[in-house]
């Protein structure tokens, strides 16, 4: 009889354990529309992080579930879908994802109203934490950092002393990026010989830059990178074209006539990178998705792992405890770099990768930290 009672007790405990509710972590991604080139790989990276966590036993004795907040690149839809998911799944501890400043502001403000942290994987505006106090963190570097690296590379390595700037004025990301680039380039002693402002990505408005321009800084969204470069080359501009992380998407295949293109981004996952954790991530991503990871896949992986780490450090899935634990993260060794949050800051210290495109092939130039960084 005692054996039967013991067996039943063990069985009941086992059933209770099996029925433990999952740790819910939200992931907001635009899987269609203009932002999908960045958010689709981000989503895949986040999925891989959750899969790896569950293979290791989950968190706090419970499985981890990625709650998908599916966007279509419409800002209002992102806001509404974030709200609907947080209301319908009140157990969500935190939310990560999104690669565009305007998209992040829509989602993060909803999260703040619901007292949840939002960790953007790829939106690089260093002003974001000021716009959503307390609740909004970045897992990536700020635009002021990557723009400064781009300016220093153009001036010091490409030896371009005069540049033209072309940017999409309809996006916060591109407005900030070009502004930081201009500020740092002028600090170095360079001259900006012309600025072209595009409205709502109207690439037909791009004109041939001033003949004095030795390089063009082209700040546009991912959907306009290749058409914008093609437009400049068709007009007859043959100099270097420099840009930011929106260039890091799968648009270069079959573009063998394109040369002298340089851009800043978050990480490099090519075969040449033999760092063990990067190689392991690349192989796991290839095996699961049958395609090469890009920098945004790595950002999705790191951002989700940061939330997983925060839950683990907090020993709780309570939203405020997770937020506090994330703010204390130091030297998290991610696939996109070592991530630390200085006290009182929600933008991490991270290095920037420099890439080039020659004959349509993307090549890794190295990592850099700027000598000086413009204020946000």
Protein backbone atom coordinates (compact mmCIF):
# COMPACT_ATOMS: atom_id res chain seq x y z
CA UNK A 1 0.00 0.00 0.00
CA UNK A 2 2.83 2.38 0.88
CA UNK A 3 4.54 1.58 -2.42
CA UNK A 4 1.32 2.39 -4.26
CA UNK A 5 0.96 5.69 -2.41
CA UNK A 6 4.59 6.59 -3.17
CA UNK A 7 4.12 5.68 -6.83
CA UNK A 8 1.00 7.85 -7.04
CA UNK A 9 2.78 10.76 -5.35
CA UNK A 10 5.67 10.54 -7.83
CA UNK A 11 3.20 10.29 -10.70
CA UNK A 12 1.31 13.37 -9.51
CA UNK A 13 4.56 15.38 -9.19
CA UNK A 14 5.62 14.23 -12.65
CA UNK A 15 2.31 15.28 -14.19
CA UNK A 16 2.45 18.64 -12.42
CA UNK A 17 5.98 19.19 -13.73
CA UNK A 18 4.97 18.24 -17.26
CA UNK A 19 2.10 20.69 -17.08
CA UNK A 20 4.18 23.64 -15.86
CA UNK A 21 3.21 26.69 -17.96
CA UNK A 22 5.91 27.94 -20.34
CA UNK A 23 7.99 31.06 -19.90
CA UNK A 24 6.48 33.45 -22.47
CA UNK A 25 8.83 35.76 -24.38
CA UNK A 26 7.36 37.93 -27.12
CA UNK A 27 8.99 38.46 -30.50
CA UNK A 28 7.84 41.24 -32.85
CA UNK A 29 8.86 40.79 -36.48
CA UNK A 30 7.71 42.20 -39.81
CA UNK A 31 7.46 39.05 -41.90
CA UNK A 32 6.14 40.89 -44.96
CA UNK A 33 6.56 44.35 -46.45
CA UNK A 34 9.58 46.64 -46.64
CA UNK A 35 11.10 45.54 -43.32
CA UNK A 36 10.86 41.79 -43.96
CA UNK A 37 14.38 41.53 -45.41
CA UNK A 38 15.70 42.36 -41.94
CA UNK A 39 13.02 40.88 -39.69
CA UNK A 40 12.67 37.46 -41.30
CA UNK A 41 16.25 36.44 -40.42
CA UNK A 42 15.85 38.12 -37.03
CA UNK A 43 12.84 35.89 -36.34
CA UNK A 44 14.77 32.80 -37.38
CA UNK A 45 17.64 33.73 -35.06
CA UNK A 46 15.20 34.15 -32.16
CA UNK A 47 13.58 30.78 -32.94
CA UNK A 48 17.00 29.13 -32.84
CA UNK A 49 17.78 30.71 -29.45
CA UNK A 50 14.53 29.37 -27.97
CA UNK A 51 15.17 25.93 -29.45
CA UNK A 52 18.66 25.85 -27.91
CA UNK A 53 17.29 26.98 -24.52
CA UNK A 54 14.66 24.24 -24.51
CA UNK A 55 17.21 21.59 -25.47
CA UNK A 56 19.10 22.61 -22.31
CA UNK A 57 16.00 22.14 -20.16
CA UNK A 58 14.26 25.48 -20.54
CA UNK A 59 14.14 28.13 -17.82
CA UNK A 60 13.26 27.74 -14.15
CA UNK A 61 12.21 24.18 -14.87
CA UNK A 62 9.77 25.33 -17.55
CA UNK A 63 9.84 25.38 -21.35
CA UNK A 64 10.36 28.66 -23.21
CA UNK A 65 7.74 29.76 -25.74
CA UNK A 66 8.31 32.44 -28.36
CA UNK A 67 5.04 34.35 -28.78
CA UNK A 68 5.05 35.71 -32.33
CA UNK A 69 3.82 39.27 -32.86
CA UNK A 70 3.52 39.18 -36.63
CA UNK A 71 3.88 42.49 -38.47
CA UNK A 72 3.57 43.58 -42.09
CA UNK A 73 5.79 46.71 -41.93
CA UNK A 74 2.82 48.97 -41.17
CA UNK A 75 3.54 50.96 -38.00
CA UNK A 76 -0.08 51.12 -36.82
CA UNK A 77 -0.52 47.39 -37.36
CA UNK A 78 2.60 46.77 -35.27
CA UNK A 79 1.20 48.88 -32.44
CA UNK A 80 -2.18 47.14 -32.49
CA UNK A 81 -0.79 43.61 -32.76
CA UNK A 82 1.60 44.23 -29.88
CA UNK A 83 -1.29 45.40 -27.71
CA UNK A 84 -3.51 42.46 -28.71
CA UNK A 85 -0.79 39.93 -27.88
CA UNK A 86 0.04 41.47 -24.51
CA UNK A 87 -3.65 41.54 -23.59
CA UNK A 88 -4.38 38.00 -24.81
CA UNK A 89 -1.16 36.52 -23.35
CA UNK A 90 -0.71 38.44 -20.07
CA UNK A 91 2.04 36.06 -19.00
CA UNK A 92 4.50 37.52 -21.53
CA UNK A 93 7.54 38.59 -19.50
CA UNK A 94 9.27 40.76 -22.12
CA UNK A 95 9.31 41.45 -25.87
CA UNK A 96 12.19 41.63 -28.36
CA UNK A 97 12.62 42.21 -32.09
CA UNK A 98 12.08 44.81 -34.86
CA UNK A 99 14.74 46.58 -36.89
CA UNK A 100 13.30 50.03 -37.62
CA UNK A 101 13.08 53.03 -35.31
CA UNK A 102 9.47 53.94 -36.11
CA UNK A 103 8.36 50.32 -35.74
CA UNK A 104 10.13 50.01 -32.39
CA UNK A 105 8.56 53.19 -31.03
CA UNK A 106 5.11 51.83 -31.88
CA UNK A 107 5.70 48.50 -30.13
CA UNK A 108 7.82 49.75 -27.23
CA UNK A 109 5.34 52.42 -26.17
CA UNK A 110 2.65 49.74 -25.93
CA UNK A 111 5.02 47.54 -23.91
CA UNK A 112 5.80 50.43 -21.57
CA UNK A 113 2.09 51.06 -21.01
CA UNK A 114 1.76 47.37 -20.08
CA UNK A 115 4.91 47.58 -17.91
CA UNK A 116 6.97 45.22 -20.10
CA UNK A 117 10.50 45.77 -21.32
CA UNK A 118 11.12 45.91 -25.06
CA UNK A 119 14.56 44.90 -26.35
CA UNK A 120 15.06 45.95 -29.95
CA UNK A 121 17.30 43.56 -31.81
CA UNK A 122 18.12 45.82 -34.74
CA UNK A 123 16.80 49.40 -34.46
CA UNK A 124 19.91 51.50 -34.00
CA UNK A 125 18.70 54.96 -32.96
CA UNK A 126 20.58 55.93 -29.79
CA UNK A 127 17.66 58.23 -28.96
CA UNK A 128 15.23 55.36 -28.48
CA UNK A 129 15.83 54.85 -24.74
CA UNK A 130 15.11 58.55 -24.14
CA UNK A 131 11.86 58.29 -26.11
CA UNK A 132 10.60 55.31 -24.11
CA UNK A 133 12.16 55.74 -20.65
CA UNK A 134 12.90 52.78 -18.39
CA UNK A 135 11.40 50.06 -20.61
CA UNK A 136 13.30 50.24 -23.93
CA UNK A 137 16.73 48.63 -24.43
CA UNK A 138 18.94 48.08 -27.50
CA UNK A 139 20.76 44.83 -28.23
CA UNK A 140 22.65 46.56 -31.07
CA UNK A 141 24.99 49.53 -31.33
CA UNK A 142 23.62 53.05 -31.89
CA UNK A 143 23.50 54.85 -35.23
CA UNK A 144 25.89 57.49 -33.92
CA UNK A 145 28.48 54.74 -33.44
CA UNK A 146 28.10 53.08 -36.84
CA UNK A 147 27.88 56.43 -38.67
CA UNK A 148 31.08 57.59 -36.96
CA UNK A 149 32.85 54.40 -38.08
CA UNK A 150 31.59 54.97 -41.64
CA UNK A 151 32.78 58.58 -41.62
CA UNK A 152 36.21 57.68 -40.25
CA UNK A 153 36.62 54.90 -42.82
CA UNK A 154 35.62 57.20 -45.69
CA UNK A 155 37.95 59.99 -44.59
CA UNK A 156 40.94 58.06 -43.25
CA UNK A 157 41.00 54.84 -45.32
CA UNK A 158 39.25 55.78 -48.56
CA UNK A 159 40.85 59.24 -48.34
CA UNK A 160 37.64 60.90 -49.46
CA UNK A 161 37.85 64.52 -48.34
CA UNK A 162 34.65 65.64 -50.11
CA UNK A 163 31.43 63.65 -50.00
CA UNK A 164 27.81 64.00 -51.06
CA UNK A 165 24.95 62.73 -48.90
CA UNK A 166 21.73 61.18 -50.20
CA UNK A 167 19.10 60.07 -47.69
CA UNK A 168 15.47 59.06 -47.26
CA UNK A 169 13.81 61.81 -45.21
CA UNK A 170 10.73 59.69 -44.51
CA UNK A 171 12.54 57.34 -42.09
CA UNK A 172 13.86 58.26 -38.65
CA UNK A 173 16.67 55.71 -39.09
CA UNK A 174 18.05 57.30 -42.26
CA UNK A 175 17.59 60.86 -41.01
CA UNK A 176 19.64 60.13 -37.91
CA UNK A 177 22.27 58.06 -39.70
CA UNK A 178 23.14 60.71 -42.28
CA UNK A 179 23.14 63.43 -39.63
CA UNK A 180 25.65 61.59 -37.45
CA UNK A 181 27.76 60.79 -40.53
CA UNK A 182 27.89 64.44 -41.56
CA UNK A 183 28.77 65.58 -38.05
CA UNK A 184 31.68 63.16 -37.69
CA UNK A 185 32.94 63.65 -41.26
CA UNK A 186 33.10 67.42 -40.76
CA UNK A 187 34.86 66.96 -37.40
CA UNK A 188 37.58 65.05 -39.24
CA UNK A 189 38.08 67.96 -41.65
CA UNK A 190 35.98 66.66 -44.52
CA UNK A 191 33.56 68.69 -46.61
CA UNK A 192 29.98 67.77 -47.51
CA UNK A 193 29.53 69.15 -51.04
CA UNK A 194 25.86 68.34 -51.45
CA UNK A 195 22.86 66.87 -49.65
CA UNK A 196 19.91 65.28 -51.47
CA UNK A 197 16.78 64.59 -49.45
CA UNK A 198 14.40 61.94 -50.78
CA UNK A 199 10.72 61.95 -49.87
CA UNK A 200 9.16 58.56 -49.11
CA UNK A 201 11.98 56.72 -50.87
CA UNK A 202 11.47 58.41 -54.26
CA UNK A 203 14.69 57.17 -55.86
CA UNK A 204 13.88 58.85 -59.17
CA UNK A 205 14.68 62.13 -57.41
CA UNK A 206 18.36 61.16 -57.01
CA UNK A 207 20.51 63.45 -59.15
CA UNK A 208 24.16 63.14 -60.16
CA UNK A 209 26.21 64.31 -57.15
CA UNK A 210 28.48 67.33 -57.32
CA UNK A 211 31.51 66.49 -59.45
CA UNK A 212 33.77 67.29 -56.49
CA UNK A 213 32.29 64.39 -54.49
CA UNK A 214 34.77 61.54 -54.05
CA UNK A 215 32.21 59.38 -52.25
CA UNK A 216 28.47 59.30 -51.56
CA UNK A 217 26.91 58.41 -48.22
CA UNK A 218 23.62 56.77 -49.23
CA UNK A 219 21.26 56.32 -46.26
CA UNK A 220 18.13 54.44 -47.32
CA UNK A 221 15.99 51.54 -46.11
CA UNK A 222 16.82 47.93 -47.06
CA UNK A 223 14.34 47.85 -49.94
CA UNK A 224 16.02 50.89 -51.55
CA UNK A 225 19.70 49.98 -51.17
CA UNK A 226 20.19 48.20 -54.48
CA UNK A 227 17.89 50.48 -56.54
CA UNK A 228 19.57 53.54 -55.01
CA UNK A 229 23.06 52.30 -55.84
CA UNK A 230 21.92 51.36 -59.35
CA UNK A 231 20.51 54.86 -59.80
CA UNK A 232 23.80 56.51 -58.79
CA UNK A 233 25.83 54.27 -61.10
CA UNK A 234 23.41 54.81 -64.01
CA UNK A 235 23.78 58.58 -63.56
CA UNK A 236 27.52 58.15 -63.94
CA UNK A 237 28.83 58.35 -60.37
CA UNK A 238 31.84 56.01 -60.19
CA UNK A 239 33.20 56.76 -56.71
CA UNK A 240 32.76 54.93 -53.43
CA UNK A 241 29.26 54.49 -51.99
CA UNK A 242 29.08 54.17 -48.20
CA UNK A 243 26.12 53.18 -46.05
CA UNK A 244 24.87 51.56 -42.86
CA UNK A 245 23.45 48.26 -41.69
CA UNK A 246 20.41 48.40 -44.00
CA UNK A 247 22.87 47.22 -46.69
CA UNK A 248 23.28 43.91 -44.85
CA UNK A 249 20.59 41.90 -46.62
CA UNK A 250 20.56 39.25 -49.30
CA UNK A 251 20.56 41.61 -52.31
CA UNK A 252 24.09 41.24 -53.65
CA UNK A 253 23.85 37.88 -55.39
CA UNK A 254 24.02 38.25 -59.15
CA UNK A 255 25.27 41.84 -58.91
CA UNK A 256 28.74 41.14 -60.27
CA UNK A 257 29.14 44.58 -61.81
CA UNK A 258 28.91 46.40 -58.48
CA UNK A 259 32.13 47.63 -56.86
CA UNK A 260 33.39 50.17 -54.33
CA UNK A 261 30.51 49.78 -51.90
CA UNK A 262 31.23 49.93 -48.18
CA UNK A 263 28.91 49.53 -45.21
CA UNK A 264 28.81 49.11 -41.45
CA UNK A 265 26.95 46.26 -39.81
CA UNK A 266 26.67 44.15 -36.67
CA UNK A 267 28.49 40.89 -37.38
CA UNK A 268 30.05 38.67 -40.03
CA UNK A 269 29.13 34.99 -40.29
CA UNK A 270 31.07 33.94 -43.38
CA UNK A 271 33.15 30.76 -43.51
CA UNK A 272 36.28 32.81 -42.86
CA UNK A 273 35.14 33.66 -39.33
CA UNK A 274 36.52 30.72 -37.32
CA UNK A 275 35.51 31.94 -33.86
CA UNK A 276 34.00 28.85 -32.18
CA UNK A 277 30.69 30.38 -31.05
CA UNK A 278 30.18 32.04 -34.43
CA UNK A 279 30.95 28.80 -36.26
CA UNK A 280 28.53 26.86 -34.03
CA UNK A 281 25.79 29.42 -34.62
CA UNK A 282 26.38 29.41 -38.36
CA UNK A 283 26.25 25.63 -38.57
CA UNK A 284 23.09 25.39 -36.44
CA UNK A 285 21.36 28.09 -38.48
CA UNK A 286 22.34 26.42 -41.75
CA UNK A 287 21.10 23.07 -40.54
CA UNK A 288 17.73 24.42 -39.39
CA UNK A 289 16.93 26.94 -42.11
CA UNK A 290 19.05 25.74 -45.07
CA UNK A 291 20.47 29.21 -45.64
CA UNK A 292 23.38 31.36 -44.47
CA UNK A 293 22.76 33.62 -41.45
CA UNK A 294 23.24 37.36 -41.84
CA UNK A 295 23.91 39.96 -39.16
CA UNK A 296 20.20 40.34 -38.37
CA UNK A 297 19.88 36.60 -37.76
CA UNK A 298 22.69 37.00 -35.23
CA UNK A 299 20.98 39.98 -33.63
CA UNK A 300 17.76 37.99 -33.23
CA UNK A 301 19.71 35.15 -31.65
CA UNK A 302 21.56 37.44 -29.25
CA UNK A 303 18.51 39.52 -28.31
CA UNK A 304 16.44 36.46 -27.44
CA UNK A 305 19.35 34.98 -25.51
CA UNK A 306 19.65 38.23 -23.55
CA UNK A 307 16.02 37.88 -22.46
CA UNK A 308 16.62 34.23 -21.58
CA UNK A 309 19.69 35.24 -19.57
CA UNK A 310 17.69 37.97 -17.79
CA UNK A 311 14.99 35.49 -16.72
CA UNK A 312 17.70 33.12 -15.49
CA UNK A 313 19.53 35.87 -13.56
CA UNK A 314 16.26 37.09 -12.04
CA UNK A 315 15.16 33.54 -11.13
CA UNK A 316 11.74 34.84 -12.09
CA UNK A 317 9.58 35.57 -15.12
CA UNK A 318 8.02 38.62 -13.44
CA UNK A 319 8.33 41.51 -15.92
CA UNK A 320 9.98 44.02 -13.56
CA UNK A 321 12.47 41.43 -12.27
CA UNK A 322 13.43 40.53 -15.84
CA UNK A 323 13.92 44.20 -16.71
CA UNK A 324 16.16 44.80 -13.70
CA UNK A 325 18.24 41.71 -14.49
CA UNK A 326 18.74 42.79 -18.11
CA UNK A 327 19.97 46.23 -17.01
CA UNK A 328 22.72 44.50 -15.00
CA UNK A 329 24.08 42.34 -17.84
CA UNK A 330 27.84 42.64 -18.23
CA UNK A 331 30.07 41.00 -20.84
CA UNK A 332 27.48 38.74 -22.41
CA UNK A 333 29.52 36.96 -25.08
CA UNK A 334 27.13 36.93 -28.03
CA UNK A 335 27.60 35.98 -31.66
CA UNK A 336 27.38 39.67 -32.63
CA UNK A 337 29.89 40.78 -30.01
CA UNK A 338 30.36 41.22 -26.29
CA UNK A 339 27.41 43.12 -24.80
CA UNK A 340 27.48 45.19 -21.62
CA UNK A 341 25.05 47.80 -20.32
CA UNK A 342 26.92 50.59 -18.51
CA UNK A 343 25.17 51.67 -15.33
CA UNK A 344 22.15 53.80 -16.13
CA UNK A 345 22.37 53.23 -19.90
CA UNK A 346 20.25 51.03 -22.13
CA UNK A 347 22.42 51.16 -25.26
CA UNK A 348 25.19 48.55 -25.08
CA UNK A 349 28.87 49.02 -25.77
CA UNK A 350 29.65 47.04 -28.95
CA UNK A 351 32.08 47.03 -31.85
CA UNK A 352 31.06 47.68 -35.49
CA UNK A 353 31.83 45.43 -38.47
CA UNK A 354 33.04 46.95 -41.74
CA UNK A 355 32.13 45.26 -45.03
CA UNK A 356 32.75 45.93 -48.72
CA UNK A 357 31.10 44.79 -51.94
CA UNK A 358 33.43 44.05 -54.85
CA UNK A 359 32.18 42.37 -58.02
CA UNK A 360 28.95 41.66 -56.19
CA UNK A 361 30.70 39.75 -53.40
CA UNK A 362 30.46 40.85 -49.78
CA UNK A 363 33.86 40.91 -48.07
CA UNK A 364 34.74 41.34 -44.40
CA UNK A 365 37.10 44.25 -43.71
CA UNK A 366 37.31 44.01 -39.92
CA UNK A 367 35.89 45.43 -36.69
CA UNK A 368 36.21 48.97 -35.41
CA UNK A 369 35.33 51.30 -32.59
CA UNK A 370 35.14 54.98 -33.58
CA UNK A 371 37.69 57.40 -32.20
CA UNK A 372 34.91 59.84 -31.38
CA UNK A 373 31.13 59.44 -31.30
CA UNK A 374 28.55 62.22 -31.87
CA UNK A 375 26.12 62.79 -29.03
CA UNK A 376 22.70 61.12 -29.52
